[in-house]
Protein backbone atom coordinates (compact mmCIF):
# COMPACT_ATOMS: atom_id res chain seq x y z
CA MET A 1 0.00 0.00 0.00
CA SER A 2 1.10 3.54 -0.72
CA SER A 3 2.07 5.76 2.18
CA ILE A 4 -0.15 8.66 1.11
CA THR A 5 -0.71 11.10 3.95
CA GLN A 6 -1.72 14.16 1.95
CA THR A 7 -5.48 14.36 1.54
CA GLN A 8 -5.92 17.87 0.18
CA ALA A 9 -4.19 19.14 -2.94
CA LEU A 10 -1.76 22.03 -2.57
CA ASP A 11 -2.58 25.29 -4.30
CA VAL A 12 -0.38 26.24 -7.25
CA PRO A 13 1.88 28.75 -5.44
CA SER A 14 2.51 26.25 -2.65
CA ALA A 15 3.33 23.47 -5.12
CA ILE A 16 5.79 25.76 -6.94
CA ALA A 17 7.48 26.82 -3.70
CA GLN A 18 7.64 23.31 -2.24
CA ARG A 19 8.82 21.40 -5.33
CA ARG A 20 12.32 19.91 -5.21
CA SER A 21 14.11 17.67 -7.70
CA ILE A 22 14.01 14.30 -5.94
CA LYS A 23 16.67 11.74 -6.86
CA THR A 24 15.67 8.83 -4.60
CA PHE A 25 12.21 7.29 -4.54
CA LYS A 26 10.25 4.73 -2.58
CA THR A 27 8.95 1.81 -4.62
CA ASP A 28 5.37 2.48 -3.45
CA PRO A 29 2.97 2.33 -6.42
CA ILE A 30 0.85 5.24 -7.59
CA ALA A 31 -2.86 4.43 -7.45
CA PRO A 32 -4.34 4.10 -10.97
CA GLU A 33 -6.89 6.86 -10.42
CA LEU A 34 -4.14 9.20 -9.19
CA LEU A 35 -1.98 8.38 -12.21
CA LYS A 36 -4.95 9.10 -14.50
CA GLN A 37 -5.41 12.46 -12.79
CA LEU A 38 -1.74 13.25 -13.40
CA VAL A 39 -2.09 12.39 -17.08
CA GLU A 40 -5.21 14.53 -17.40
CA LEU A 41 -3.48 17.52 -15.82
CA THR A 42 -0.39 16.97 -17.96
CA VAL A 43 -2.20 16.97 -21.29
CA ALA A 44 -4.19 20.03 -20.19
CA ALA A 45 -1.02 22.00 -21.03
CA PRO A 46 -1.13 24.50 -23.88
CA SER A 47 0.66 23.95 -27.17
CA SER A 48 1.11 25.93 -30.38
CA PHE A 49 -2.31 26.09 -32.09
CA ASN A 50 -3.37 23.34 -29.65
CA ILE A 51 -1.75 20.73 -31.92
CA GLN A 52 -0.56 18.77 -28.85
CA ASP A 53 2.66 17.79 -30.60
CA TRP A 54 3.88 15.48 -27.85
CA GLN A 55 4.01 11.76 -27.30
CA ILE A 56 4.02 10.85 -23.60
CA ILE A 57 5.14 7.34 -22.70
CA LEU A 58 4.54 6.03 -19.16
CA VAL A 59 7.37 3.60 -18.46
CA GLN A 60 6.17 1.25 -15.70
CA ASP A 61 7.22 -2.31 -16.62
CA GLU A 62 10.26 -3.39 -14.63
CA ALA A 63 12.21 -4.51 -17.71
CA GLN A 64 11.34 -1.28 -19.50
CA LYS A 65 12.45 0.73 -16.46
CA ALA A 66 15.76 -1.11 -16.38
CA ALA A 67 16.31 -0.49 -20.08
CA LEU A 68 15.42 3.19 -19.72
CA SER A 69 17.80 3.51 -16.78
CA ALA A 70 20.56 1.92 -18.87
CA ALA A 71 19.82 4.48 -21.61
CA SER A 72 20.18 7.19 -18.95
CA TRP A 73 23.68 6.38 -17.71
CA ASN A 74 22.22 3.96 -15.14
CA GLN A 75 20.49 6.68 -13.10
CA GLN A 76 18.58 4.74 -10.47
CA GLN A 77 15.62 7.05 -9.93
CA ILE A 78 14.04 5.49 -13.03
CA VAL A 79 14.29 2.01 -11.48
CA GLN A 80 13.10 3.20 -8.07
CA ALA A 81 10.13 5.34 -9.10
CA PRO A 82 6.95 3.48 -10.03
CA VAL A 83 6.63 5.37 -13.32
CA THR A 84 8.77 7.59 -15.50
CA PHE A 85 7.08 9.90 -17.99
CA VAL A 86 9.07 10.13 -21.23
CA PHE A 87 8.16 13.30 -23.10
CA ALA A 88 8.82 13.02 -26.81
CA ALA A 89 8.23 15.84 -29.27
CA ASP A 90 6.90 15.31 -32.80
CA PRO A 91 7.82 18.18 -35.13
CA ASN A 92 5.60 16.81 -37.92
CA VAL A 93 2.21 16.88 -36.21
CA GLY A 94 1.26 20.18 -37.88
CA GLU A 95 1.48 18.54 -41.31
CA ARG A 96 -0.94 15.75 -40.44
CA ASP A 97 -4.73 15.52 -40.42
CA LEU A 98 -5.80 17.79 -37.57
CA THR A 99 -9.52 17.08 -38.01
CA PRO A 100 -9.91 15.51 -34.51
CA ILE A 101 -8.47 18.67 -32.95
CA PHE A 102 -10.72 20.93 -35.02
CA GLU A 103 -13.81 18.81 -34.26
CA ARG A 104 -13.12 18.74 -30.52
CA ALA A 105 -12.58 22.50 -30.34
CA THR A 106 -15.81 23.04 -32.27
CA GLU A 107 -17.71 20.71 -29.92
CA THR A 108 -16.52 22.60 -26.86
CA GLY A 109 -17.43 25.93 -28.44
CA ALA A 110 -13.86 27.19 -28.15
CA TRP A 111 -13.41 27.63 -31.92
CA ASN A 112 -16.03 28.67 -34.44
CA GLU A 113 -16.04 27.80 -38.14
CA GLY A 114 -14.05 30.89 -39.05
CA THR A 115 -11.36 30.03 -36.52
CA VAL A 116 -11.12 26.46 -37.78
CA ASN A 117 -10.85 27.58 -41.40
CA TYR A 118 -8.13 30.06 -40.46
CA PHE A 119 -6.16 27.42 -38.56
CA LYS A 120 -6.46 24.95 -41.45
CA SER A 121 -4.23 27.24 -43.48
CA ALA A 122 -2.33 29.03 -40.72
CA ILE A 123 -0.97 25.91 -39.01
CA PRO A 124 0.80 24.38 -42.03
CA GLN A 125 2.07 27.82 -43.05
CA PHE A 126 3.43 28.45 -39.57
CA GLN A 127 5.05 25.00 -39.42
CA ALA A 128 6.63 25.46 -42.84
CA GLY A 129 7.92 28.87 -41.80
CA LEU A 130 9.64 27.38 -38.77
CA GLY A 131 11.93 25.31 -40.97
CA ASP A 132 14.71 23.82 -38.86
CA LYS A 133 13.12 25.24 -35.72
CA ARG A 134 10.18 22.83 -35.83
CA ARG A 135 12.03 20.43 -33.54
CA GLU A 136 12.80 23.24 -31.09
CA TYR A 137 9.16 24.37 -31.00
CA ALA A 138 7.87 20.82 -30.50
CA ILE A 139 10.30 20.30 -27.62
CA LYS A 140 9.10 23.58 -26.10
CA ASP A 141 5.50 22.31 -26.09
CA ALA A 142 6.58 19.01 -24.53
CA ILE A 143 8.51 20.81 -21.80
CA ILE A 144 5.46 22.94 -20.99
CA ALA A 145 3.45 19.72 -20.56
CA ALA A 146 6.21 18.25 -18.39
CA THR A 147 6.06 21.32 -16.15
CA HIS A 148 2.33 20.77 -15.72
CA LEU A 149 3.08 17.19 -14.66
CA VAL A 150 5.71 18.23 -12.13
CA LEU A 151 3.51 20.82 -10.43
CA ALA A 152 0.43 18.60 -10.52
CA ALA A 153 2.41 15.77 -8.95
CA GLU A 154 3.76 18.03 -6.22
CA SER A 155 0.29 19.31 -5.43
CA LEU A 156 -0.99 15.73 -5.06
CA GLY A 157 1.72 14.55 -2.68
CA LEU A 158 4.11 13.05 -5.24
CA SER A 159 7.66 13.99 -6.15
CA THR A 160 9.45 14.31 -9.47
CA CYS A 161 12.74 15.13 -11.12
CA PHE A 162 13.41 16.75 -14.48
CA MET A 163 16.17 14.47 -15.75
CA ASN A 164 19.22 15.33 -17.79
CA GLY A 165 21.71 12.68 -18.81
CA TRP A 166 20.25 10.21 -21.30
CA ILE A 167 21.16 9.02 -24.79
CA GLU A 168 18.40 9.99 -27.20
CA ASP A 169 18.81 7.12 -29.67
CA GLN A 170 18.80 4.58 -26.85
CA VAL A 171 15.74 6.12 -25.19
CA LYS A 172 13.96 5.98 -28.56
CA GLN A 173 14.78 2.28 -28.84
CA VAL A 174 13.30 1.64 -25.40
CA ILE A 175 10.00 3.34 -26.29
CA GLY A 176 9.79 1.78 -29.76
CA ALA A 177 10.55 4.94 -31.73
CA GLU A 178 13.90 3.96 -33.24
CA ASN A 179 12.39 4.14 -36.75
CA ASN A 180 11.12 7.70 -36.31
CA PRO A 181 14.20 9.88 -36.95
CA ASP A 182 12.32 13.16 -36.49
CA LEU A 183 10.90 12.37 -33.05
CA ALA A 184 12.86 14.19 -30.33
CA ILE A 185 13.18 13.20 -26.70
CA ALA A 186 12.43 16.33 -24.68
CA VAL A 187 12.78 15.22 -21.06
CA LEU A 188 12.40 12.26 -18.71
CA VAL A 189 10.46 12.73 -15.46
CA PRO A 190 10.37 9.98 -12.81
CA VAL A 191 7.28 10.25 -10.57
CA GLY A 192 6.75 8.68 -7.18
CA TYR A 193 7.03 9.12 -3.43
CA ALA A 194 10.24 10.72 -2.17
CA ALA A 195 12.56 8.47 -0.17
CA GLU A 196 14.28 11.49 1.34
CA PRO A 197 13.67 15.24 1.27
CA ARG A 198 15.92 17.76 -0.40
CA LEU A 199 16.44 21.34 0.73
CA ASN A 200 15.96 24.40 -1.46
CA PRO A 201 19.43 25.34 -2.81
CA GLY A 202 18.30 28.94 -3.26
CA ARG A 203 18.13 31.23 -6.25
CA LEU A 204 20.16 34.20 -7.43
CA PRO A 205 18.81 37.67 -6.62
CA PHE A 206 16.45 39.12 -9.22
CA SER A 207 19.04 41.70 -10.19
CA SER A 208 21.37 39.04 -11.56
CA ASN A 209 19.08 37.68 -14.29
CA VAL A 210 15.74 39.53 -14.30
CA SER A 211 15.63 42.83 -16.20
CA VAL A 212 13.08 45.48 -17.08
CA ASP A 213 12.63 46.23 -20.78
CA ARG A 214 16.26 45.52 -21.69
CA ILE A 215 18.99 43.20 -20.43
CA GLY A 216 21.21 45.06 -18.00
CA ASN A 217 18.41 47.13 -16.47
CA PRO A 218 17.94 44.96 -13.37
CA TYR A 219 14.58 44.28 -11.84
CA GLU A 220 14.95 44.92 -8.12
CA GLY A 221 11.53 43.75 -6.97
C-alpha cells in the first residue's frame, strides 16, 4: 500500500514553492486513479495552435524501467520510481490531419467555423515557416506539458525530477521509436514518493538575471 498522507491538494503557489528535484524514490505504487489524474493535468497543457505535438510514454514495466535507466547512464531514480514519464516531441504533427483537434474544439465551443478555417491554413504555413526550428518548437511544447506534470504531482503529494543525462537514440529504442528519426526526446520525469527530502538550494537575486525592458536594467523587486 502507498504511504499517502496528503489528503488535500496544494494550491499552485505552494506546489511551486515546495517542489524539489528528488533523486531517490520509494517503490510504493501510484494508485491508478491518481496516475490518471496526473495524465489529465499533464495533457491540459497549452501547445502551439493546440496541436498537442507530444508523445508521452509512461514507463512502468520493470524490464522497461531497467532499459530506460541503462539508456540514462544507469540513473537509479528510473528504477526506483513506479513510473517515468518520457516526453517526446513530434515536429511533424502540424502537417498531419488535424480534423480531430478541429472537431473537438468546435464541440466545446472554443473555436467557431471561421477560426477552424483560419487554422487549417495558418498551421501548415506556420510550421513550414519554422523550418529547422520545428524540432525546437515541439520540444518547447513538450517541456510545458512536463512542467504541468511536475507541479500537478507536487500538489498531489508526489515527487518528481526533471532528468538530464540520457542518450536519445537509446531512449527511442526503449519506447519503440527507433524508426522515427524526427521524433525528439524532450525530457524524462520519474514520478513517485520521495525516499528522502531535499532542501531548497536557493536562487540568485532578481538583479542578476531579471531585467526590465532591456537586459542590463535589473529588476529589483
